[in-house]
Amino acid sequence: RFYESFLCVRRLPVPVISAINGHAIGAGFAMTLATDIRIVANEAKLALNFTQLGLHPGMGSTHFLPLLVGHQNASFMLLSGGQISGVEAKDMGIALRAVPKETVLPDALAMAR
């Protein structure tokens, strides 16, 4: 039931766009992985730091991340807990676009329209 409250975004009958205009670490980043499209700030920092806290990676990250970046890249991110930038997220296929911070929300809203 715990995950249900976070992953219910997958059951919405409309596409869901994440506007990541700052750091998304742990559960915050994991939640964005469940959305359909991600727009991220160039300078944002993203990480799944669960293992650095002695926890199993959660929030659906072990399911969604490999679908986006493949097994090897997902394994590295999940096991190391290392941070990537918004630009790196775009290059890896996690985000559709990496843009200046001030245009993240306007770009996501324009796409939604």
N, C-alpha and C. Protein backbone atom coordinates (compact mmCIF):
# COMPACT_ATOMS: atom_id res chain seq x y z
N ARG A 1 0.80 -1.21 0.00
CA ARG A 1 0.00 0.00 0.00
C ARG A 1 0.84 1.26 0.00
N PHE A 2 2.00 1.20 0.60
CA PHE A 2 2.85 2.38 0.67
C PHE A 2 3.18 2.88 -0.74
N TYR A 3 3.60 1.97 -1.60
CA TYR A 3 3.97 2.37 -2.96
C TYR A 3 2.76 2.84 -3.76
N GLU A 4 1.61 2.34 -3.42
CA GLU A 4 0.39 2.71 -4.13
C GLU A 4 0.19 4.22 -4.17
N SER A 5 0.47 4.89 -3.06
CA SER A 5 0.26 6.33 -3.01
C SER A 5 1.23 7.09 -3.90
N PHE A 6 2.38 6.50 -4.18
CA PHE A 6 3.37 7.16 -5.02
C PHE A 6 3.25 6.78 -6.49
N LEU A 7 2.92 5.52 -6.73
CA LEU A 7 2.91 5.04 -8.10
C LEU A 7 1.56 5.11 -8.77
N CYS A 8 0.55 5.66 -8.09
CA CYS A 8 -0.76 5.79 -8.70
C CYS A 8 -0.72 6.67 -9.94
N VAL A 9 0.34 7.44 -10.10
CA VAL A 9 0.50 8.30 -11.27
C VAL A 9 0.46 7.46 -12.56
N ARG A 10 0.86 6.19 -12.46
CA ARG A 10 0.86 5.32 -13.64
C ARG A 10 -0.55 4.99 -14.12
N ARG A 11 -1.53 5.12 -13.24
CA ARG A 11 -2.91 4.79 -13.62
C ARG A 11 -3.71 5.98 -14.13
N LEU A 12 -3.12 7.14 -14.14
CA LEU A 12 -3.84 8.31 -14.65
C LEU A 12 -4.13 8.13 -16.13
N PRO A 13 -5.31 8.53 -16.59
CA PRO A 13 -5.69 8.31 -17.99
C PRO A 13 -5.11 9.37 -18.95
N VAL A 14 -4.15 10.13 -18.48
CA VAL A 14 -3.52 11.17 -19.30
C VAL A 14 -2.00 11.05 -19.17
N PRO A 15 -1.25 11.56 -20.13
CA PRO A 15 0.20 11.57 -19.98
C PRO A 15 0.61 12.47 -18.81
N VAL A 16 1.65 12.07 -18.11
CA VAL A 16 2.14 12.83 -16.96
C VAL A 16 3.56 13.32 -17.27
N ILE A 17 3.76 14.63 -17.12
CA ILE A 17 5.05 15.26 -17.41
C ILE A 17 5.66 15.74 -16.10
N SER A 18 6.91 15.37 -15.86
CA SER A 18 7.63 15.87 -14.69
C SER A 18 8.45 17.08 -15.09
N ALA A 19 8.34 18.14 -14.31
CA ALA A 19 9.17 19.33 -14.48
C ALA A 19 10.15 19.34 -13.31
N ILE A 20 11.39 18.97 -13.57
CA ILE A 20 12.40 18.84 -12.52
C ILE A 20 13.30 20.07 -12.59
N ASN A 21 12.98 21.06 -11.76
CA ASN A 21 13.73 22.32 -11.83
C ASN A 21 14.76 22.48 -10.73
N GLY A 22 15.02 21.41 -10.01
CA GLY A 22 16.03 21.43 -8.96
C GLY A 22 16.51 20.02 -8.69
N HIS A 23 17.13 19.84 -7.55
CA HIS A 23 17.66 18.53 -7.22
C HIS A 23 16.52 17.55 -6.96
N ALA A 24 16.69 16.32 -7.43
CA ALA A 24 15.75 15.23 -7.18
C ALA A 24 16.58 14.04 -6.71
N ILE A 25 16.53 13.79 -5.43
CA ILE A 25 17.37 12.77 -4.81
C ILE A 25 16.48 11.73 -4.14
N GLY A 26 16.80 10.46 -4.29
CA GLY A 26 16.05 9.40 -3.64
C GLY A 26 14.62 9.29 -4.14
N ALA A 27 13.67 9.34 -3.20
CA ALA A 27 12.26 9.15 -3.55
C ALA A 27 11.76 10.22 -4.53
N GLY A 28 12.28 11.44 -4.42
CA GLY A 28 11.87 12.49 -5.35
C GLY A 28 12.21 12.16 -6.79
N PHE A 29 13.40 11.62 -7.00
CA PHE A 29 13.81 11.20 -8.34
C PHE A 29 13.03 9.96 -8.76
N ALA A 30 12.86 9.02 -7.84
CA ALA A 30 12.14 7.78 -8.16
C ALA A 30 10.72 8.08 -8.64
N MET A 31 10.07 9.04 -8.01
CA MET A 31 8.71 9.39 -8.43
C MET A 31 8.67 9.88 -9.87
N THR A 32 9.69 10.63 -10.27
CA THR A 32 9.69 11.15 -11.64
C THR A 32 9.87 10.03 -12.66
N LEU A 33 10.52 8.94 -12.26
CA LEU A 33 10.74 7.82 -13.18
C LEU A 33 9.43 7.16 -13.58
N ALA A 34 8.41 7.30 -12.75
CA ALA A 34 7.11 6.70 -13.05
C ALA A 34 6.29 7.55 -14.01
N THR A 35 6.74 8.76 -14.31
CA THR A 35 5.98 9.62 -15.22
C THR A 35 6.35 9.32 -16.67
N ASP A 36 5.55 9.84 -17.58
CA ASP A 36 5.74 9.55 -19.00
C ASP A 36 6.87 10.34 -19.64
N ILE A 37 7.03 11.59 -19.22
CA ILE A 37 8.01 12.48 -19.83
C ILE A 37 8.65 13.30 -18.71
N ARG A 38 9.95 13.54 -18.83
CA ARG A 38 10.67 14.34 -17.85
C ARG A 38 11.40 15.48 -18.55
N ILE A 39 11.18 16.70 -18.07
CA ILE A 39 11.92 17.89 -18.49
C ILE A 39 12.75 18.29 -17.28
N VAL A 40 14.06 18.47 -17.45
CA VAL A 40 14.94 18.69 -16.31
C VAL A 40 15.82 19.92 -16.52
N ALA A 41 16.13 20.59 -15.43
CA ALA A 41 17.06 21.72 -15.48
C ALA A 41 18.47 21.21 -15.74
N ASN A 42 19.20 21.92 -16.57
CA ASN A 42 20.59 21.53 -16.88
C ASN A 42 21.39 21.28 -15.61
N GLU A 43 21.24 22.16 -14.63
CA GLU A 43 22.08 22.11 -13.43
C GLU A 43 21.48 21.26 -12.30
N ALA A 44 20.35 20.64 -12.53
CA ALA A 44 19.75 19.78 -11.51
C ALA A 44 20.67 18.61 -11.20
N LYS A 45 20.58 18.11 -10.00
CA LYS A 45 21.31 16.91 -9.60
C LYS A 45 20.28 15.83 -9.31
N LEU A 46 20.49 14.65 -9.88
CA LEU A 46 19.57 13.54 -9.70
C LEU A 46 20.35 12.35 -9.19
N ALA A 47 19.76 11.63 -8.24
CA ALA A 47 20.43 10.45 -7.70
C ALA A 47 19.42 9.56 -6.99
N LEU A 48 19.73 8.29 -6.99
CA LEU A 48 19.00 7.31 -6.21
C LEU A 48 19.96 6.84 -5.12
N ASN A 49 19.95 7.54 -4.01
CA ASN A 49 20.95 7.34 -2.96
C ASN A 49 20.55 6.32 -1.91
N PHE A 50 19.59 5.48 -2.20
CA PHE A 50 19.10 4.51 -1.23
C PHE A 50 20.22 3.65 -0.65
N THR A 51 21.10 3.13 -1.51
CA THR A 51 22.15 2.23 -1.02
C THR A 51 23.14 2.96 -0.12
N GLN A 52 23.34 4.24 -0.34
CA GLN A 52 24.23 5.00 0.53
C GLN A 52 23.66 5.14 1.94
N LEU A 53 22.35 4.93 2.05
CA LEU A 53 21.68 4.99 3.35
C LEU A 53 21.46 3.60 3.93
N GLY A 54 21.97 2.58 3.22
CA GLY A 54 21.80 1.21 3.67
C GLY A 54 20.43 0.64 3.38
N LEU A 55 19.74 1.22 2.40
CA LEU A 55 18.39 0.78 2.04
C LEU A 55 18.37 0.16 0.66
N HIS A 56 17.40 -0.70 0.43
CA HIS A 56 17.16 -1.24 -0.90
C HIS A 56 16.55 -0.12 -1.75
N PRO A 57 17.01 0.05 -2.99
CA PRO A 57 16.40 1.08 -3.85
C PRO A 57 14.90 0.83 -3.98
N GLY A 58 14.13 1.86 -3.74
CA GLY A 58 12.68 1.68 -3.72
C GLY A 58 11.93 2.61 -4.64
N MET A 59 10.66 2.73 -4.37
CA MET A 59 9.74 3.63 -5.08
C MET A 59 9.63 3.28 -6.56
N GLY A 60 9.83 2.03 -6.90
CA GLY A 60 9.72 1.61 -8.29
C GLY A 60 10.97 1.89 -9.12
N SER A 61 12.01 2.42 -8.49
CA SER A 61 13.22 2.78 -9.24
C SER A 61 13.88 1.57 -9.89
N THR A 62 13.83 0.40 -9.24
CA THR A 62 14.45 -0.79 -9.83
C THR A 62 13.66 -1.31 -11.02
N HIS A 63 12.43 -0.89 -11.14
CA HIS A 63 11.62 -1.27 -12.31
C HIS A 63 11.76 -0.25 -13.45
N PHE A 64 11.55 1.02 -13.13
CA PHE A 64 11.48 2.04 -14.17
C PHE A 64 12.83 2.45 -14.73
N LEU A 65 13.86 2.56 -13.90
CA LEU A 65 15.15 3.03 -14.39
C LEU A 65 15.75 2.12 -15.47
N PRO A 66 15.77 0.79 -15.30
CA PRO A 66 16.31 -0.06 -16.37
C PRO A 66 15.55 0.06 -17.69
N LEU A 67 14.26 0.35 -17.61
CA LEU A 67 13.49 0.54 -18.83
C LEU A 67 13.96 1.76 -19.61
N LEU A 68 14.46 2.76 -18.89
CA LEU A 68 14.89 4.00 -19.52
C LEU A 68 16.34 3.97 -19.98
N VAL A 69 17.22 3.37 -19.17
CA VAL A 69 18.66 3.48 -19.45
C VAL A 69 19.36 2.16 -19.67
N GLY A 70 18.66 1.06 -19.57
CA GLY A 70 19.27 -0.25 -19.73
C GLY A 70 19.83 -0.78 -18.42
N HIS A 71 20.10 -2.07 -18.42
CA HIS A 71 20.51 -2.76 -17.20
C HIS A 71 21.82 -2.23 -16.62
N GLN A 72 22.83 -2.08 -17.44
CA GLN A 72 24.15 -1.68 -16.94
C GLN A 72 24.14 -0.29 -16.31
N ASN A 73 23.59 0.68 -17.01
CA ASN A 73 23.54 2.04 -16.47
C ASN A 73 22.65 2.11 -15.23
N ALA A 74 21.54 1.40 -15.26
CA ALA A 74 20.65 1.39 -14.10
C ALA A 74 21.35 0.75 -12.90
N SER A 75 22.04 -0.36 -13.14
CA SER A 75 22.75 -1.02 -12.05
C SER A 75 23.77 -0.09 -11.42
N PHE A 76 24.52 0.61 -12.24
CA PHE A 76 25.52 1.53 -11.72
C PHE A 76 24.87 2.63 -10.88
N MET A 77 23.81 3.23 -11.41
CA MET A 77 23.15 4.31 -10.67
C MET A 77 22.54 3.81 -9.37
N LEU A 78 21.89 2.66 -9.42
CA LEU A 78 21.21 2.13 -8.24
C LEU A 78 22.20 1.66 -7.17
N LEU A 79 23.30 1.05 -7.59
CA LEU A 79 24.26 0.50 -6.63
C LEU A 79 25.23 1.54 -6.09
N SER A 80 25.58 2.52 -6.91
CA SER A 80 26.55 3.52 -6.47
C SER A 80 25.90 4.69 -5.73
N GLY A 81 24.67 5.00 -6.10
CA GLY A 81 24.00 6.16 -5.51
C GLY A 81 24.58 7.48 -6.01
N GLY A 82 25.42 7.42 -7.04
CA GLY A 82 26.07 8.62 -7.56
C GLY A 82 25.09 9.59 -8.21
N GLN A 83 25.47 10.84 -8.21
CA GLN A 83 24.64 11.90 -8.80
C GLN A 83 24.96 12.10 -10.27
N ILE A 84 23.94 12.48 -11.01
CA ILE A 84 24.12 12.90 -12.39
C ILE A 84 23.48 14.28 -12.54
N SER A 85 23.90 15.02 -13.55
CA SER A 85 23.32 16.33 -13.83
C SER A 85 22.10 16.17 -14.73
N GLY A 86 21.37 17.25 -14.88
CA GLY A 86 20.25 17.23 -15.79
C GLY A 86 20.68 16.94 -17.22
N VAL A 87 21.81 17.48 -17.63
CA VAL A 87 22.33 17.23 -18.97
C VAL A 87 22.66 15.75 -19.14
N GLU A 88 23.29 15.16 -18.12
CA GLU A 88 23.59 13.73 -18.19
C GLU A 88 22.32 12.89 -18.24
N ALA A 89 21.30 13.32 -17.50
CA ALA A 89 20.02 12.61 -17.52
C ALA A 89 19.42 12.63 -18.92
N LYS A 90 19.53 13.74 -19.59
CA LYS A 90 19.03 13.84 -20.97
C LYS A 90 19.85 12.94 -21.89
N ASP A 91 21.17 12.98 -21.74
CA ASP A 91 22.04 12.16 -22.58
C ASP A 91 21.80 10.67 -22.38
N MET A 92 21.43 10.27 -21.16
CA MET A 92 21.19 8.86 -20.86
C MET A 92 19.80 8.40 -21.26
N GLY A 93 18.91 9.34 -21.56
CA GLY A 93 17.55 8.97 -21.93
C GLY A 93 16.57 9.02 -20.78
N ILE A 94 16.99 9.50 -19.63
CA ILE A 94 16.09 9.64 -18.49
C ILE A 94 15.14 10.81 -18.72
N ALA A 95 15.67 11.90 -19.24
CA ALA A 95 14.87 13.10 -19.52
C ALA A 95 14.76 13.31 -21.03
N LEU A 96 13.63 13.83 -21.44
CA LEU A 96 13.46 14.16 -22.85
C LEU A 96 14.25 15.40 -23.21
N ARG A 97 14.25 16.37 -22.29
CA ARG A 97 14.96 17.63 -22.53
C ARG A 97 15.66 18.09 -21.26
N ALA A 98 16.82 18.71 -21.44
CA ALA A 98 17.52 19.41 -20.37
C ALA A 98 17.57 20.87 -20.82
N VAL A 99 17.06 21.75 -19.98
CA VAL A 99 16.91 23.16 -20.35
C VAL A 99 17.36 24.04 -19.19
N PRO A 100 17.53 25.34 -19.42
CA PRO A 100 17.85 26.24 -18.31
C PRO A 100 16.75 26.17 -17.24
N LYS A 101 17.15 26.31 -15.99
CA LYS A 101 16.23 26.17 -14.86
C LYS A 101 14.97 27.00 -15.01
N GLU A 102 15.13 28.23 -15.46
CA GLU A 102 13.97 29.13 -15.54
C GLU A 102 12.96 28.74 -16.62
N THR A 103 13.31 27.84 -17.51
CA THR A 103 12.37 27.44 -18.56
C THR A 103 11.78 26.05 -18.37
N VAL A 104 12.16 25.36 -17.28
CA VAL A 104 11.67 23.99 -17.06
C VAL A 104 10.14 23.96 -17.00
N LEU A 105 9.55 24.71 -16.10
CA LEU A 105 8.10 24.69 -15.95
C LEU A 105 7.38 25.24 -17.18
N PRO A 106 7.78 26.39 -17.73
CA PRO A 106 7.11 26.85 -18.95
C PRO A 106 7.19 25.83 -20.10
N ASP A 107 8.33 25.18 -20.23
CA ASP A 107 8.48 24.18 -21.31
C ASP A 107 7.55 22.99 -21.06
N ALA A 108 7.48 22.54 -19.82
CA ALA A 108 6.61 21.40 -19.49
C ALA A 108 5.14 21.76 -19.70
N LEU A 109 4.76 22.96 -19.29
CA LEU A 109 3.37 23.40 -19.48
C LEU A 109 3.03 23.55 -20.96
N ALA A 110 3.96 24.08 -21.75
CA ALA A 110 3.74 24.22 -23.19
C ALA A 110 3.57 22.84 -23.83
N MET A 111 4.37 21.88 -23.39
CA MET A 111 4.24 20.53 -23.92
C MET A 111 2.89 19.92 -23.55
N ALA A 112 2.44 20.20 -22.35
CA ALA A 112 1.16 19.64 -21.89
C ALA A 112 -0.02 20.21 -22.67
N ARG A 113 0.13 21.44 -23.12
CA ARG A 113 -0.97 22.06 -23.88
C ARG A 113 -1.03 21.47 -25.27
